[in-house]
Amino acid sequence: MNAWATEKGKVYLVTPSEQVKLGSEFYIDIQVDNLPALYGVDLKLEFDAHKFELIDQNPRKEGVQIEHGNFFDNDNLFILHNSADAGTGTAAYVVSLVAPANEVEGSGRIARVKLKSTYQSGLAHFTIASAQFGTKTGQLKEFSLGPALLFDFKPEYRVPAQPQQGISFTTTILLFSLLVIAFIFIWFIRRGRNK
């Protein structure tokens, strides 16, 4: 690996609200802005294990998985490590693109962490401990890290907004196919009545 290079760009956390009702589910996005061409990331997160309960996003795999984002090409993504340790309050997300994928650049979401508030009132931090990126040629890069989020958990707060669910490409094709079939069916019925 080549020497570290610190460049322009930012890695930061985003959430709908840092005031969370006890026992409610919420999410945190790990976002990036203005990144150059990259091929992978080694991301470490830290949180208060007594106040945050991570929600597994892939029950078929052992451990607690966090959700992939939209920055990297998920169809060509190799997962080296994706797990959280509730005991230590840490999570690691290490992924790399593989051929034939091209490097990606710009802005987007690296990952999404879905959580549930435990029933303990008070303040708790959620932070990016480190974020190291790699290029296709193996050069390592670091970017500025945004501040930690400071959550306040109380029973009188509202349940935070949930992420909007986008329609997948497969769902879009399925809906379009059903629409075409319905159109053809109606056309045949009308044609049969006109004879």
Protein backbone atom coordinates (compact mmCIF):
# COMPACT_ATOMS: atom_id res chain seq x y z
CA MET A 1 0.00 0.00 0.00
CA ASN A 2 1.15 3.52 -0.74
CA ALA A 3 1.49 6.28 1.83
CA TRP A 4 -1.57 7.99 3.27
CA ALA A 5 -2.97 10.96 1.37
CA THR A 6 -5.26 13.45 3.07
CA GLU A 7 -7.49 15.23 0.58
CA LYS A 8 -10.55 17.40 0.27
CA GLY A 9 -13.81 15.64 0.95
CA LYS A 10 -15.88 14.88 4.00
CA VAL A 11 -17.28 11.85 5.83
CA TYR A 12 -20.10 12.62 8.26
CA LEU A 13 -23.22 11.33 10.05
CA VAL A 14 -26.82 12.31 9.27
CA THR A 15 -29.99 11.47 11.20
CA PRO A 16 -33.53 12.91 11.15
CA SER A 17 -33.44 13.86 14.83
CA GLU A 18 -31.07 13.60 17.77
CA GLN A 19 -34.02 13.75 20.17
CA VAL A 20 -35.39 10.20 20.25
CA LYS A 21 -38.33 8.66 22.10
CA LEU A 22 -37.30 5.81 24.38
CA GLY A 23 -37.78 2.39 22.77
CA SER A 24 -38.22 3.75 19.24
CA GLU A 25 -36.38 2.81 16.06
CA PHE A 26 -34.30 5.32 14.10
CA TYR A 27 -31.40 5.42 11.65
CA ILE A 28 -28.07 7.10 11.02
CA ASP A 29 -26.57 7.52 7.55
CA ILE A 30 -22.84 7.65 6.93
CA GLN A 31 -22.53 10.19 4.12
CA VAL A 32 -19.62 11.39 1.97
CA ASP A 33 -19.21 14.58 -0.03
CA ASN A 34 -16.80 15.49 -2.84
CA LEU A 35 -14.66 12.35 -2.75
CA PRO A 36 -12.23 11.49 -5.60
CA ALA A 37 -12.20 8.16 -7.42
CA LEU A 38 -12.24 5.35 -4.82
CA TYR A 39 -12.59 1.57 -4.71
CA GLY A 40 -13.29 0.71 -1.07
CA VAL A 41 -13.63 1.81 2.54
CA ASP A 42 -12.60 0.69 6.02
CA LEU A 43 -15.08 2.34 8.38
CA LYS A 44 -15.14 2.09 12.17
CA LEU A 45 -18.02 3.37 14.32
CA GLU A 46 -18.34 3.80 18.09
CA PHE A 47 -21.50 4.15 20.17
CA ASP A 48 -22.84 3.80 23.70
CA ALA A 49 -23.85 0.14 23.89
CA HIS A 50 -26.15 0.84 26.86
CA LYS A 51 -28.31 3.30 24.92
CA PHE A 52 -28.18 2.00 21.32
CA GLU A 53 -29.35 -1.38 20.08
CA LEU A 54 -28.31 -2.08 16.48
CA ILE A 55 -30.93 -3.74 14.26
CA ASP A 56 -29.54 -6.51 12.06
CA GLN A 57 -30.00 -5.84 8.34
CA ASN A 58 -29.14 -9.36 7.20
CA PRO A 59 -30.52 -12.05 9.54
CA ARG A 60 -29.20 -14.80 7.23
CA LYS A 61 -25.62 -13.95 8.28
CA GLU A 62 -24.16 -14.41 11.73
CA GLY A 63 -23.79 -11.23 13.76
CA VAL A 64 -25.34 -7.81 13.33
CA GLN A 65 -24.98 -6.35 9.83
CA ILE A 66 -25.37 -2.72 8.80
CA GLU A 67 -27.05 -1.72 5.53
CA HIS A 68 -25.09 -0.94 2.38
CA GLY A 69 -25.39 2.57 1.01
CA ASN A 70 -25.63 3.87 -2.55
CA PHE A 71 -22.11 5.30 -2.99
CA PHE A 72 -20.42 2.07 -4.08
CA ASP A 73 -21.74 -0.26 -6.81
CA ASN A 74 -23.51 -2.87 -4.66
CA ASP A 75 -23.66 -5.35 -7.55
CA ASN A 76 -19.84 -5.52 -7.56
CA LEU A 77 -19.19 -5.13 -3.84
CA PHE A 78 -17.00 -7.53 -1.87
CA ILE A 79 -17.71 -7.47 1.87
CA LEU A 80 -14.58 -8.03 3.93
CA HIS A 81 -16.18 -7.18 7.27
CA ASN A 82 -19.64 -6.01 8.28
CA SER A 83 -20.50 -6.46 11.92
CA ALA A 84 -21.28 -4.70 15.17
CA ASP A 85 -20.33 -5.66 18.69
CA ALA A 86 -23.06 -4.65 21.13
CA GLY A 87 -20.80 -5.42 24.09
CA THR A 88 -18.05 -3.00 23.13
CA GLY A 89 -20.21 -0.46 21.28
CA THR A 90 -18.26 -0.74 18.03
CA ALA A 91 -19.09 -1.52 14.41
CA ALA A 92 -16.82 -2.21 11.43
CA TYR A 93 -17.78 -1.90 7.77
CA VAL A 94 -15.02 -2.87 5.33
CA VAL A 95 -15.96 -3.27 1.66
CA SER A 96 -14.23 -3.10 -1.71
CA LEU A 97 -15.38 -3.05 -5.29
CA VAL A 98 -14.26 -5.88 -7.55
CA ALA A 99 -13.80 -6.13 -11.31
CA PRO A 100 -15.46 -5.19 -13.56
CA ALA A 101 -16.51 -2.24 -11.37
CA ASN A 102 -15.02 1.18 -11.98
CA GLU A 103 -13.93 3.50 -9.20
CA VAL A 104 -16.66 5.78 -7.85
CA GLU A 105 -16.45 9.44 -6.87
CA GLY A 106 -18.57 12.32 -5.67
CA SER A 107 -21.18 12.24 -2.92
CA GLY A 108 -23.52 9.63 -1.49
CA ARG A 109 -24.28 7.28 1.36
CA ILE A 110 -21.63 4.75 2.41
CA ALA A 111 -23.88 2.85 4.79
CA ARG A 112 -26.99 3.12 6.96
CA VAL A 113 -27.15 1.98 10.57
CA LYS A 114 -30.61 1.12 11.89
CA LEU A 115 -30.98 1.30 15.65
CA LYS A 116 -33.41 1.09 18.49
CA SER A 117 -33.26 3.18 21.63
CA THR A 118 -33.00 1.13 24.79
CA TYR A 119 -35.16 2.24 27.69
CA GLN A 120 -32.44 4.31 29.35
CA SER A 121 -32.95 8.08 29.36
CA GLY A 122 -30.08 10.48 28.84
CA LEU A 123 -27.37 11.51 26.40
CA ALA A 124 -25.30 9.21 24.19
CA HIS A 125 -22.72 9.71 21.43
CA PHE A 126 -22.51 7.97 18.07
CA THR A 127 -19.30 8.71 16.19
CA ILE A 128 -17.10 7.76 13.24
CA ALA A 129 -13.93 6.49 14.91
CA SER A 130 -12.06 6.21 11.59
CA ALA A 131 -12.68 6.12 7.85
CA GLN A 132 -9.93 4.98 5.50
CA PHE A 133 -10.56 4.76 1.77
CA GLY A 134 -8.62 2.97 -0.95
CA THR A 135 -8.19 3.53 -4.66
CA LYS A 136 -8.11 0.81 -7.31
CA THR A 137 -4.28 1.00 -7.32
CA GLY A 138 -4.07 0.54 -3.54
CA GLN A 139 -3.41 4.11 -2.47
CA LEU A 140 -4.96 4.94 0.92
CA LYS A 141 -6.82 8.20 1.46
CA GLU A 142 -8.35 9.94 4.45
CA PHE A 143 -10.86 12.77 4.53
CA SER A 144 -12.13 15.07 7.24
CA LEU A 145 -14.59 13.46 9.64
CA GLY A 146 -17.74 15.23 10.74
CA PRO A 147 -18.63 15.59 14.42
CA ALA A 148 -20.22 12.91 16.55
CA LEU A 149 -23.99 12.92 16.95
CA LEU A 150 -25.19 13.55 20.49
CA PHE A 151 -28.53 11.83 21.05
CA ASP A 152 -30.92 12.63 23.87
CA PHE A 153 -33.33 9.84 24.80
CA LYS A 154 -36.53 10.69 26.69
CA PRO A 155 -40.03 9.18 26.85
CA GLU A 156 -41.73 12.44 25.81
CA TYR A 157 -39.83 12.83 22.51
CA ARG A 158 -41.36 11.79 19.19
CA VAL A 159 -40.42 8.72 17.20
CA PRO A 160 -37.94 9.93 14.52
CA ALA A 161 -38.86 9.77 10.84
CA GLN A 162 -38.01 6.53 9.07
CA PRO A 163 -36.03 6.40 5.80
CA GLN A 164 -38.01 6.55 2.60
CA GLN A 165 -38.08 3.26 0.78
CA GLY A 166 -37.02 3.62 -2.83
CA ILE A 167 -38.43 1.31 -5.48
CA SER A 168 -35.81 -1.17 -6.67
CA PHE A 169 -35.06 -1.73 -10.36
CA THR A 170 -36.56 -5.25 -10.15
CA THR A 171 -39.77 -3.89 -8.63
CA THR A 172 -39.97 -1.22 -11.34
CA ILE A 173 -39.60 -3.84 -14.11
CA LEU A 174 -42.22 -6.06 -12.46
CA LEU A 175 -44.73 -3.20 -12.18
CA PHE A 176 -44.09 -2.17 -15.79
CA SER A 177 -44.57 -5.78 -16.98
CA LEU A 178 -47.88 -6.07 -15.09
CA LEU A 179 -49.05 -2.80 -16.63
CA VAL A 180 -48.20 -4.03 -20.15
CA ILE A 181 -50.01 -7.34 -19.54
CA ALA A 182 -53.08 -5.50 -18.22
CA PHE A 183 -53.06 -3.21 -21.26
CA ILE A 184 -52.84 -6.18 -23.67
CA PHE A 185 -55.63 -8.00 -21.78
CA ILE A 186 -57.93 -4.94 -21.99
CA TRP A 187 -57.08 -4.49 -25.68
CA PHE A 188 -58.05 -8.13 -26.45
CA ILE A 189 -61.33 -7.80 -24.51
CA ARG A 190 -62.29 -4.62 -26.38
CA ARG A 191 -61.26 -6.13 -29.71
CA GLY A 192 -63.44 -9.21 -29.03
CA ARG A 193 -66.48 -7.00 -28.22
CA ASN A 194 -66.10 -5.01 -31.46
CA LYS A 195 -66.31 -8.13 -33.66
